[in-house]
Amino acid sequence: PAWINAGLYLMQREVIETIAADRPVSLEREVFPSYTDGRLGAFCQHK
């Protein structure tokens, strides 16, 4: 067993504005890991 990313996110508009608009970008591999310094909240659901 482990906790996994359920594919539901709440993101502030200013975060999305920082995503490059001129190339493909992965949320999971490029954006989210840079917020694991305490700025990425987790909402745990037993579903």
All heavy atoms as atom14 arrays in JSON, in Angstrom:
{
  "sequence": "PAWINAGLYLMQREVIETIAADRPVSLEREVFPSYTDGRLGAFCQHK",
  "atom14_mask": [
    [1, 1, 1, 1, 1, 1, 1, 0, 0, 0, 0, 0, 0, 0],
    [1, 1, 1, 1, 1, 0, 0, 0, 0, 0, 0, 0, 0, 0],
    [1, 1, 1, 1, 1, 1, 1, 1, 1, 1, 1, 1, 1, 1],
    [1, 1, 1, 1, 1, 1, 1, 1, 0, 0, 0, 0, 0, 0],
    [1, 1, 1, 1, 1, 1, 1, 1, 0, 0, 0, 0, 0, 0],
    [1, 1, 1, 1, 1, 0, 0, 0, 0, 0, 0, 0, 0, 0],
    [1, 1, 1, 1, 0, 0, 0, 0, 0, 0, 0, 0, 0, 0],
    [1, 1, 1, 1, 1, 1, 1, 1, 0, 0, 0, 0, 0, 0],
    [1, 1, 1, 1, 1, 1, 1, 1, 1, 1, 1, 1, 0, 0],
    [1, 1, 1, 1, 1, 1, 1, 1, 0, 0, 0, 0, 0, 0],
    [1, 1, 1, 1, 1, 1, 1, 1, 0, 0, 0, 0, 0, 0],
    [1, 1, 1, 1, 1, 1, 1, 1, 1, 0, 0, 0, 0, 0],
    [1, 1, 1, 1, 1, 1, 1, 1, 1, 1, 1, 0, 0, 0],
    [1, 1, 1, 1, 1, 1, 1, 1, 1, 0, 0, 0, 0, 0],
    [1, 1, 1, 1, 1, 1, 1, 0, 0, 0, 0, 0, 0, 0],
    [1, 1, 1, 1, 1, 1, 1, 1, 0, 0, 0, 0, 0, 0],
    [1, 1, 1, 1, 1, 1, 1, 1, 1, 0, 0, 0, 0, 0],
    [1, 1, 1, 1, 1, 1, 1, 0, 0, 0, 0, 0, 0, 0],
    [1, 1, 1, 1, 1, 1, 1, 1, 0, 0, 0, 0, 0, 0],
    [1, 1, 1, 1, 1, 0, 0, 0, 0, 0, 0, 0, 0, 0],
    [1, 1, 1, 1, 1, 0, 0, 0, 0, 0, 0, 0, 0, 0],
    [1, 1, 1, 1, 1, 1, 1, 1, 0, 0, 0, 0, 0, 0],
    [1, 1, 1, 1, 1, 1, 1, 1, 1, 1, 1, 0, 0, 0],
    [1, 1, 1, 1, 1, 1, 1, 0, 0, 0, 0, 0, 0, 0],
    [1, 1, 1, 1, 1, 1, 1, 0, 0, 0, 0, 0, 0, 0],
    [1, 1, 1, 1, 1, 1, 0, 0, 0, 0, 0, 0, 0, 0],
    [1, 1, 1, 1, 1, 1, 1, 1, 0, 0, 0, 0, 0, 0],
    [1, 1, 1, 1, 1, 1, 1, 1, 1, 0, 0, 0, 0, 0],
    [1, 1, 1, 1, 1, 1, 1, 1, 1, 1, 1, 0, 0, 0],
    [1, 1, 1, 1, 1, 1, 1, 1, 1, 0, 0, 0, 0, 0],
    [1, 1, 1, 1, 1, 1, 1, 0, 0, 0, 0, 0, 0, 0],
    [1, 1, 1, 1, 1, 1, 1, 1, 1, 1, 1, 0, 0, 0],
    [1, 1, 1, 1, 1, 1, 1, 0, 0, 0, 0, 0, 0, 0],
    [1, 1, 1, 1, 1, 1, 0, 0, 0, 0, 0, 0, 0, 0],
    [1, 1, 1, 1, 1, 1, 1, 1, 1, 1, 1, 1, 0, 0],
    [1, 1, 1, 1, 1, 1, 1, 0, 0, 0, 0, 0, 0, 0],
    [1, 1, 1, 1, 1, 1, 1, 1, 0, 0, 0, 0, 0, 0],
    [1, 1, 1, 1, 0, 0, 0, 0, 0, 0, 0, 0, 0, 0],
    [1, 1, 1, 1, 1, 1, 1, 1, 1, 1, 1, 0, 0, 0],
    [1, 1, 1, 1, 1, 1, 1, 1, 0, 0, 0, 0, 0, 0],
    [1, 1, 1, 1, 0, 0, 0, 0, 0, 0, 0, 0, 0, 0],
    [1, 1, 1, 1, 1, 0, 0, 0, 0, 0, 0, 0, 0, 0],
    [1, 1, 1, 1, 1, 1, 1, 1, 1, 1, 1, 0, 0, 0],
    [1, 1, 1, 1, 1, 1, 0, 0, 0, 0, 0, 0, 0, 0],
    [1, 1, 1, 1, 1, 1, 1, 1, 1, 0, 0, 0, 0, 0],
    [1, 1, 1, 1, 1, 1, 1, 1, 1, 1, 0, 0, 0, 0],
    [1, 1, 1, 1, 1, 1, 1, 1, 1, 0, 0, 0, 0, 0]
  ],
  "atom14_positions": [
    [[0.81, -1.22, 0.0], [0.0, 0.0, 0.0], [0.84, 1.27, 0.0], [1.96, 1.29, 0.52], [-0.81, -0.12, 1.29], [0.02, -1.0, 2.17], [0.74, -1.95, 1.27], [0.0, 0.0, 0.0], [0.0, 0.0, 0.0], [0.0, 0.0, 0.0], [0.0, 0.0, 0.0], [0.0, 0.0, 0.0], [0.0, 0.0, 0.0], [0.0, 0.0, 0.0]],
    [[0.3, 2.3, -0.6], [0.96, 3.62, -0.6], [-0.05, 4.67, -1.0], [-1.08, 4.38, -1.61], [2.14, 3.62, -1.57], [0.0, 0.0, 0.0], [0.0, 0.0, 0.0], [0.0, 0.0, 0.0], [0.0, 0.0, 0.0], [0.0, 0.0, 0.0], [0.0, 0.0, 0.0], [0.0, 0.0, 0.0], [0.0, 0.0, 0.0], [0.0, 0.0, 0.0]],
    [[0.27, 5.9, -0.64], [-0.53, 7.04, -1.09], [-0.06, 7.42, -2.48], [1.14, 7.49, -2.74], [-0.37, 8.23, -0.14], [-1.03, 8.02, 1.18], [-0.45, 7.6, 2.34], [-2.42, 8.2, 1.48], [-1.38, 7.51, 3.34], [-2.6, 7.87, 2.84], [-3.52, 8.6, 0.72], [-3.84, 7.93, 3.47], [-4.76, 8.67, 1.35], [-4.92, 8.34, 2.7]],
    [[-1.01, 7.68, -3.38], [-0.67, 8.05, -4.74], [-1.4, 9.34, -5.14], [-2.37, 9.75, -4.5], [-1.02, 6.93, -5.76], [-2.54, 6.74, -5.85], [-0.31, 5.64, -5.4], [-2.98, 5.9, -7.05], [0.0, 0.0, 0.0], [0.0, 0.0, 0.0], [0.0, 0.0, 0.0], [0.0, 0.0, 0.0], [0.0, 0.0, 0.0], [0.0, 0.0, 0.0]],
    [[-0.92, 9.94, -6.19], [-1.54, 11.12, -6.77], [-2.83, 10.69, -7.47], [-2.81, 9.86, -8.38], [-0.55, 11.74, -7.77], [-1.13, 12.91, -8.52], [-2.27, 13.32, -8.33], [-0.32, 13.47, -9.41], [0.0, 0.0, 0.0], [0.0, 0.0, 0.0], [0.0, 0.0, 0.0], [0.0, 0.0, 0.0], [0.0, 0.0, 0.0], [0.0, 0.0, 0.0]],
    [[-3.96, 11.26, -7.07], [-5.26, 10.86, -7.61], [-5.64, 11.64, -8.86], [-6.7, 11.4, -9.44], [-6.35, 11.03, -6.55], [0.0, 0.0, 0.0], [0.0, 0.0, 0.0], [0.0, 0.0, 0.0], [0.0, 0.0, 0.0], [0.0, 0.0, 0.0], [0.0, 0.0, 0.0], [0.0, 0.0, 0.0], [0.0, 0.0, 0.0], [0.0, 0.0, 0.0]],
    [[-4.8, 12.58, -9.29], [-5.1, 13.33, -10.51], [-6.12, 14.43, -10.35], [-6.76, 14.83, -11.32], [0.0, 0.0, 0.0], [0.0, 0.0, 0.0], [0.0, 0.0, 0.0], [0.0, 0.0, 0.0], [0.0, 0.0, 0.0], [0.0, 0.0, 0.0], [0.0, 0.0, 0.0], [0.0, 0.0, 0.0], [0.0, 0.0, 0.0], [0.0, 0.0, 0.0]],
    [[-6.3, 14.93, -9.13], [-7.16, 16.08, -8.86], [-6.31, 17.13, -8.17], [-5.65, 16.85, -7.17], [-8.33, 15.72, -7.93], [-9.48, 14.89, -8.48], [-9.13, 13.41, -8.42], [-10.74, 15.14, -7.67], [0.0, 0.0, 0.0], [0.0, 0.0, 0.0], [0.0, 0.0, 0.0], [0.0, 0.0, 0.0], [0.0, 0.0, 0.0], [0.0, 0.0, 0.0]],
    [[-6.33, 18.35, -8.71], [-5.48, 19.41, -8.18], [-6.27, 20.71, -8.03], [-7.2, 20.97, -8.79], [-4.31, 19.68, -9.14], [-3.67, 18.45, -9.71], [-3.75, 18.16, -11.07], [-2.99, 17.56, -8.89], [-3.17, 17.02, -11.6], [-2.41, 16.41, -9.4], [-2.51, 16.14, -10.76], [-1.94, 15.0, -11.27], [0.0, 0.0, 0.0], [0.0, 0.0, 0.0]],
    [[-5.86, 21.51, -7.07], [-6.29, 22.9, -6.98], [-5.04, 23.75, -7.11], [-4.06, 23.56, -6.37], [-7.01, 23.18, -5.67], [-8.51, 22.86, -5.7], [-9.08, 22.73, -4.3], [-9.28, 23.92, -6.49], [0.0, 0.0, 0.0], [0.0, 0.0, 0.0], [0.0, 0.0, 0.0], [0.0, 0.0, 0.0], [0.0, 0.0, 0.0], [0.0, 0.0, 0.0]],
    [[-5.03, 24.64, -8.1], [-3.85, 25.43, -8.39], [-4.21, 26.91, -8.46], [-5.22, 27.28, -9.05], [-3.23, 24.97, -9.73], [-2.86, 23.5, -9.74], [-2.21, 22.93, -11.35], [-0.69, 23.88, -11.45], [0.0, 0.0, 0.0], [0.0, 0.0, 0.0], [0.0, 0.0, 0.0], [0.0, 0.0, 0.0], [0.0, 0.0, 0.0], [0.0, 0.0, 0.0]],
    [[-3.37, 27.72, -7.87], [-3.57, 29.16, -7.96], [-3.18, 29.64, -9.36], [-2.25, 29.13, -9.98], [-2.75, 29.89, -6.9], [-3.23, 29.61, -5.48], [-4.7, 29.96, -5.3], [-5.54, 29.08, -5.19], [-5.01, 31.26, -5.3], [0.0, 0.0, 0.0], [0.0, 0.0, 0.0], [0.0, 0.0, 0.0], [0.0, 0.0, 0.0], [0.0, 0.0, 0.0]],
    [[-3.91, 30.61, -9.82], [-3.72, 31.12, -11.18], [-2.27, 31.53, -11.45], [-1.72, 31.28, -12.52], [-4.67, 32.3, -11.39], [-4.69, 32.82, -12.8], [-5.62, 34.0, -12.98], [-5.83, 34.24, -14.4], [-6.8, 33.67, -15.1], [-7.66, 32.88, -14.5], [-6.91, 33.91, -16.39], [0.0, 0.0, 0.0], [0.0, 0.0, 0.0], [0.0, 0.0, 0.0]],
    [[-1.64, 32.16, -10.45], [-0.28, 32.65, -10.67], [0.72, 31.52, -10.88], [1.75, 31.71, -11.54], [0.18, 33.56, -9.52], [0.09, 32.93, -8.14], [-1.22, 33.24, -7.43], [-2.24, 33.49, -8.12], [-1.22, 33.23, -6.19], [0.0, 0.0, 0.0], [0.0, 0.0, 0.0], [0.0, 0.0, 0.0], [0.0, 0.0, 0.0], [0.0, 0.0, 0.0]],
    [[0.42, 30.32, -10.35], [1.3, 29.17, -10.6], [1.22, 28.78, -12.07], [2.24, 28.53, -12.72], [0.89, 27.98, -9.71], [1.67, 26.72, -10.09], [1.12, 28.31, -8.23], [0.0, 0.0, 0.0], [0.0, 0.0, 0.0], [0.0, 0.0, 0.0], [0.0, 0.0, 0.0], [0.0, 0.0, 0.0], [0.0, 0.0, 0.0], [0.0, 0.0, 0.0]],
    [[0.01, 28.71, -12.59], [-0.17, 28.31, -13.99], [0.45, 29.34, -14.93], [0.99, 28.99, -15.98], [-1.67, 28.1, -14.29], [-2.25, 27.05, -13.34], [-1.88, 27.67, -15.74], [-3.75, 26.91, -13.41], [0.0, 0.0, 0.0], [0.0, 0.0, 0.0], [0.0, 0.0, 0.0], [0.0, 0.0, 0.0], [0.0, 0.0, 0.0], [0.0, 0.0, 0.0]],
    [[0.42, 30.61, -14.53], [1.01, 31.66, -15.36], [2.52, 31.49, -15.53], [3.1, 31.98, -16.51], [0.71, 33.04, -14.76], [-0.75, 33.45, -14.89], [-1.08, 34.72, -14.14], [-0.28, 35.11, -13.26], [-2.14, 35.32, -14.41], [0.0, 0.0, 0.0], [0.0, 0.0, 0.0], [0.0, 0.0, 0.0], [0.0, 0.0, 0.0], [0.0, 0.0, 0.0]],
    [[3.17, 30.79, -14.59], [4.62, 30.6, -14.69], [5.0, 29.44, -15.62], [6.18, 29.27, -15.93], [5.23, 30.31, -13.3], [4.77, 29.05, -12.81], [4.87, 31.4, -12.31], [0.0, 0.0, 0.0], [0.0, 0.0, 0.0], [0.0, 0.0, 0.0], [0.0, 0.0, 0.0], [0.0, 0.0, 0.0], [0.0, 0.0, 0.0], [0.0, 0.0, 0.0]],
    [[4.03, 28.63, -16.05], [4.32, 27.51, -16.94], [4.68, 28.03, -18.33], [3.98, 28.89, -18.86], [3.12, 26.55, -17.02], [2.82, 25.94, -15.63], [3.36, 25.43, -18.03], [1.55, 25.11, -15.58], [0.0, 0.0, 0.0], [0.0, 0.0, 0.0], [0.0, 0.0, 0.0], [0.0, 0.0, 0.0], [0.0, 0.0, 0.0], [0.0, 0.0, 0.0]],
    [[5.74, 27.51, -18.9], [6.18, 27.94, -20.23], [5.07, 27.71, -21.25], [4.43, 26.65, -21.25], [7.43, 27.19, -20.64], [0.0, 0.0, 0.0], [0.0, 0.0, 0.0], [0.0, 0.0, 0.0], [0.0, 0.0, 0.0], [0.0, 0.0, 0.0], [0.0, 0.0, 0.0], [0.0, 0.0, 0.0], [0.0, 0.0, 0.0], [0.0, 0.0, 0.0]],
    [[4.86, 28.7, -22.1], [3.78, 28.61, -23.09], [4.28, 28.22, -24.47], [3.49, 28.1, -25.41], [3.05, 29.95, -23.17], [0.0, 0.0, 0.0], [0.0, 0.0, 0.0], [0.0, 0.0, 0.0], [0.0, 0.0, 0.0], [0.0, 0.0, 0.0], [0.0, 0.0, 0.0], [0.0, 0.0, 0.0], [0.0, 0.0, 0.0], [0.0, 0.0, 0.0]],
    [[5.59, 28.01, -24.59], [6.16, 27.77, -25.92], [6.71, 26.36, -26.11], [7.41, 26.09, -27.09], [7.27, 28.8, -26.19], [8.37, 28.75, -25.13], [8.19, 28.07, -24.11], [9.41, 29.4, -25.35], [0.0, 0.0, 0.0], [0.0, 0.0, 0.0], [0.0, 0.0, 0.0], [0.0, 0.0, 0.0], [0.0, 0.0, 0.0], [0.0, 0.0, 0.0]],
    [[6.4, 25.45, -25.18], [6.9, 24.08, -25.3], [6.04, 23.15, -24.45], [5.33, 23.6, -23.54], [8.35, 24.0, -24.83], [8.55, 24.33, -23.34], [9.99, 24.16, -22.9], [10.17, 24.5, -21.49], [9.98, 23.64, -20.49], [9.58, 22.39, -20.74], [10.17, 24.02, -19.24], [0.0, 0.0, 0.0], [0.0, 0.0, 0.0], [0.0, 0.0, 0.0]],
    [[6.08, 21.84, -24.72], [5.35, 20.9, -23.86], [5.93, 20.89, -22.44], [7.15, 20.97, -22.25], [5.59, 19.54, -24.55], [5.93, 19.88, -25.96], [6.68, 21.18, -25.89], [0.0, 0.0, 0.0], [0.0, 0.0, 0.0], [0.0, 0.0, 0.0], [0.0, 0.0, 0.0], [0.0, 0.0, 0.0], [0.0, 0.0, 0.0], [0.0, 0.0, 0.0]],
    [[5.04, 20.81, -21.46], [5.44, 20.79, -20.05], [4.62, 19.74, -19.32], [3.41, 19.62, -19.55], [5.21, 22.18, -19.38], [5.57, 22.13, -17.9], [6.01, 23.27, -20.09], [0.0, 0.0, 0.0], [0.0, 0.0, 0.0], [0.0, 0.0, 0.0], [0.0, 0.0, 0.0], [0.0, 0.0, 0.0], [0.0, 0.0, 0.0], [0.0, 0.0, 0.0]],
    [[5.26, 19.0, -18.44], [4.57, 18.01, -17.6], [4.36, 18.57, -16.21], [5.33, 18.97, -15.54], [5.4, 16.72, -17.52], [4.9, 15.87, -16.51], [0.0, 0.0, 0.0], [0.0, 0.0, 0.0], [0.0, 0.0, 0.0], [0.0, 0.0, 0.0], [0.0, 0.0, 0.0], [0.0, 0.0, 0.0], [0.0, 0.0, 0.0], [0.0, 0.0, 0.0]],
    [[3.1, 18.61, -15.76], [2.84, 19.02, -14.38], [3.53, 18.1, -13.4], [4.16, 18.54, -12.43], [1.33, 18.98, -14.11], [0.44, 20.06, -14.7], [-1.02, 19.78, -14.37], [0.85, 21.44, -14.19], [0.0, 0.0, 0.0], [0.0, 0.0, 0.0], [0.0, 0.0, 0.0], [0.0, 0.0, 0.0], [0.0, 0.0, 0.0], [0.0, 0.0, 0.0]],
    [[3.4, 16.78, -13.66], [3.87, 15.78, -12.71], [5.4, 15.74, -12.6], [5.93, 15.54, -11.5], [3.33, 14.4, -13.11], [1.81, 14.3, -13.11], [1.15, 14.81, -14.39], [1.87, 15.3, -15.31], [-0.09, 14.75, -14.48], [0.0, 0.0, 0.0], [0.0, 0.0, 0.0], [0.0, 0.0, 0.0], [0.0, 0.0, 0.0], [0.0, 0.0, 0.0]],
    [[6.09, 15.92, -13.7], [7.55, 15.78, -13.68], [8.3, 17.11, -13.56], [9.41, 17.13, -13.03], [8.03, 15.05, -14.95], [7.61, 13.6, -15.0], [8.32, 12.86, -16.13], [8.04, 13.43, -17.43], [6.98, 13.12, -18.18], [6.11, 12.23, -17.73], [6.79, 13.69, -19.35], [0.0, 0.0, 0.0], [0.0, 0.0, 0.0], [0.0, 0.0, 0.0]],
    [[7.69, 18.2, -14.04], [8.41, 19.47, -14.06], [7.9, 20.51, -13.08], [8.68, 21.26, -12.51], [8.37, 20.06, -15.48], [9.03, 19.19, -16.54], [8.91, 19.81, -17.92], [9.47, 20.91, -18.13], [8.25, 19.2, -18.79], [0.0, 0.0, 0.0], [0.0, 0.0, 0.0], [0.0, 0.0, 0.0], [0.0, 0.0, 0.0], [0.0, 0.0, 0.0]],
    [[6.58, 20.58, -12.89], [6.02, 21.64, -12.05], [5.93, 21.21, -10.59], [6.49, 21.86, -9.7], [4.63, 22.07, -12.57], [4.03, 23.14, -11.66], [4.74, 22.57, -14.01], [0.0, 0.0, 0.0], [0.0, 0.0, 0.0], [0.0, 0.0, 0.0], [0.0, 0.0, 0.0], [0.0, 0.0, 0.0], [0.0, 0.0, 0.0], [0.0, 0.0, 0.0]],
    [[5.25, 20.12, -10.31], [4.98, 19.73, -8.92], [6.24, 19.49, -8.09], [6.29, 19.92, -6.92], [4.08, 18.5, -8.87], [2.69, 18.73, -9.4], [1.89, 17.66, -9.79], [2.15, 20.0, -9.53], [0.62, 17.85, -10.28], [0.87, 20.21, -10.02], [0.1, 19.13, -10.4], [0.0, 0.0, 0.0], [0.0, 0.0, 0.0], [0.0, 0.0, 0.0]],
    [[7.27, 18.8, -8.6], [8.45, 18.54, -7.75], [9.11, 19.81, -7.21], [9.7, 19.78, -6.12], [9.4, 17.78, -8.69], [8.49, 17.09, -9.65], [7.38, 18.08, -9.9], [0.0, 0.0, 0.0], [0.0, 0.0, 0.0], [0.0, 0.0, 0.0], [0.0, 0.0, 0.0], [0.0, 0.0, 0.0], [0.0, 0.0, 0.0], [0.0, 0.0, 0.0]],
    [[8.99, 20.93, -7.89], [9.61, 22.16, -7.41], [8.83, 22.79, -6.25], [9.3, 23.78, -5.67], [9.75, 23.16, -8.56], [8.49, 23.54, -9.07], [0.0, 0.0, 0.0], [0.0, 0.0, 0.0], [0.0, 0.0, 0.0], [0.0, 0.0, 0.0], [0.0, 0.0, 0.0], [0.0, 0.0, 0.0], [0.0, 0.0, 0.0], [0.0, 0.0, 0.0]],
    [[7.67, 22.23, -5.91], [6.86, 22.76, -4.81], [6.88, 21.85, -3.58], [6.11, 22.07, -2.64], [5.42, 22.98, -5.27], [5.25, 24.2, -6.14], [5.53, 24.15, -7.51], [4.85, 25.42, -5.6], [5.39, 25.27, -8.31], [4.7, 26.55, -6.4], [4.98, 26.47, -7.76], [4.84, 27.58, -8.55], [0.0, 0.0, 0.0], [0.0, 0.0, 0.0]],
    [[7.76, 20.84, -3.56], [7.78, 19.89, -2.43], [8.59, 20.42, -1.25], [9.05, 19.65, -0.42], [8.33, 18.53, -2.89], [9.6, 18.72, -3.51], [7.38, 17.85, -3.86], [0.0, 0.0, 0.0], [0.0, 0.0, 0.0], [0.0, 0.0, 0.0], [0.0, 0.0, 0.0], [0.0, 0.0, 0.0], [0.0, 0.0, 0.0], [0.0, 0.0, 0.0]],
    [[8.73, 21.72, -1.16], [9.42, 22.37, -0.04], [8.41, 22.87, 0.99], [8.67, 23.81, 1.72], [10.28, 23.51, -0.55], [9.5, 24.52, -1.4], [8.27, 24.32, -1.58], [10.1, 25.49, -1.89], [0.0, 0.0, 0.0], [0.0, 0.0, 0.0], [0.0, 0.0, 0.0], [0.0, 0.0, 0.0], [0.0, 0.0, 0.0], [0.0, 0.0, 0.0]],
    [[7.22, 22.24, 1.04], [6.18, 22.64, 1.97], [5.06, 23.42, 1.32], [4.09, 23.8, 2.0], [0.0, 0.0, 0.0], [0.0, 0.0, 0.0], [0.0, 0.0, 0.0], [0.0, 0.0, 0.0], [0.0, 0.0, 0.0], [0.0, 0.0, 0.0], [0.0, 0.0, 0.0], [0.0, 0.0, 0.0], [0.0, 0.0, 0.0], [0.0, 0.0, 0.0]],
    [[5.16, 23.66, 0.01], [4.15, 24.47, -0.68], [3.14, 23.65, -1.47], [2.28, 24.22, -2.14], [4.84, 25.46, -1.62], [5.71, 26.5, -0.92], [6.33, 27.45, -1.93], [7.26, 26.76, -2.82], [7.57, 27.19, -4.04], [7.01, 28.29, -4.52], [8.42, 26.52, -4.79], [0.0, 0.0, 0.0], [0.0, 0.0, 0.0], [0.0, 0.0, 0.0]],
    [[3.22, 22.31, -1.38], [2.31, 21.44, -2.13], [1.43, 20.68, -1.15], [1.87, 19.76, -0.47], [3.12, 20.47, -3.0], [2.35, 19.47, -3.86], [1.3, 20.15, -4.72], [3.3, 18.68, -4.73], [0.0, 0.0, 0.0], [0.0, 0.0, 0.0], [0.0, 0.0, 0.0], [0.0, 0.0, 0.0], [0.0, 0.0, 0.0], [0.0, 0.0, 0.0]],
    [[0.18, 21.1, -1.03], [-0.74, 20.51, -0.07], [-1.23, 19.15, -0.5], [-1.26, 18.81, -1.68], [0.0, 0.0, 0.0], [0.0, 0.0, 0.0], [0.0, 0.0, 0.0], [0.0, 0.0, 0.0], [0.0, 0.0, 0.0], [0.0, 0.0, 0.0], [0.0, 0.0, 0.0], [0.0, 0.0, 0.0], [0.0, 0.0, 0.0], [0.0, 0.0, 0.0]],
    [[-1.63, 18.33, 0.49], [-2.18, 17.0, 0.23], [-3.52, 16.88, 0.92], [-3.66, 17.19, 2.11], [-1.23, 15.91, 0.73], [0.0, 0.0, 0.0], [0.0, 0.0, 0.0], [0.0, 0.0, 0.0], [0.0, 0.0, 0.0], [0.0, 0.0, 0.0], [0.0, 0.0, 0.0], [0.0, 0.0, 0.0], [0.0, 0.0, 0.0], [0.0, 0.0, 0.0]],
    [[-4.51, 16.42, 0.17], [-5.86, 16.18, 0.68], [-6.1, 14.68, 0.56], [-6.34, 14.16, -0.53], [-6.88, 16.96, -0.13], [-8.31, 16.83, 0.34], [-8.69, 17.29, 1.59], [-9.27, 16.25, -0.48], [-10.01, 17.19, 2.02], [-10.59, 16.15, -0.06], [-10.96, 16.61, 1.19], [0.0, 0.0, 0.0], [0.0, 0.0, 0.0], [0.0, 0.0, 0.0]],
    [[-5.98, 13.96, 1.68], [-6.02, 12.49, 1.68], [-7.47, 12.0, 1.76], [-8.22, 12.4, 2.65], [-5.2, 11.93, 2.83], [-3.43, 12.28, 2.68], [0.0, 0.0, 0.0], [0.0, 0.0, 0.0], [0.0, 0.0, 0.0], [0.0, 0.0, 0.0], [0.0, 0.0, 0.0], [0.0, 0.0, 0.0], [0.0, 0.0, 0.0], [0.0, 0.0, 0.0]],
    [[-7.83, 11.13, 0.83], [-9.17, 10.58, 0.75], [-9.11, 9.05, 0.73], [-8.34, 8.46, -0.04], [-9.86, 11.06, -0.54], [-10.16, 12.55, -0.55], [-11.43, 12.87, 0.17], [-12.52, 12.81, -0.39], [-11.31, 13.22, 1.43], [0.0, 0.0, 0.0], [0.0, 0.0, 0.0], [0.0, 0.0, 0.0], [0.0, 0.0, 0.0], [0.0, 0.0, 0.0]],
    [[-9.9, 8.42, 1.58], [-9.99, 6.96, 1.59], [-11.14, 6.56, 0.66], [-12.23, 6.2, 1.1], [-10.2, 6.44, 3.01], [-9.01, 6.65, 3.89], [-7.92, 5.81, 3.89], [-8.74, 7.62, 4.8], [-7.02, 6.24, 4.75], [-7.49, 7.34, 5.31], [0.0, 0.0, 0.0], [0.0, 0.0, 0.0], [0.0, 0.0, 0.0], [0.0, 0.0, 0.0]],
    [[-10.88, 6.67, -0.63], [-11.88, 6.37, -1.65], [-11.24, 5.49, -2.72], [-10.04, 5.56, -2.94], [-12.39, 7.67, -2.29], [-13.06, 8.67, -1.34], [-14.45, 8.2, -0.97], [-15.16, 9.21, -0.07], [-15.57, 10.43, -0.79], [0.0, 0.0, 0.0], [0.0, 0.0, 0.0], [0.0, 0.0, 0.0], [0.0, 0.0, 0.0], [0.0, 0.0, 0.0]]
  ]
}
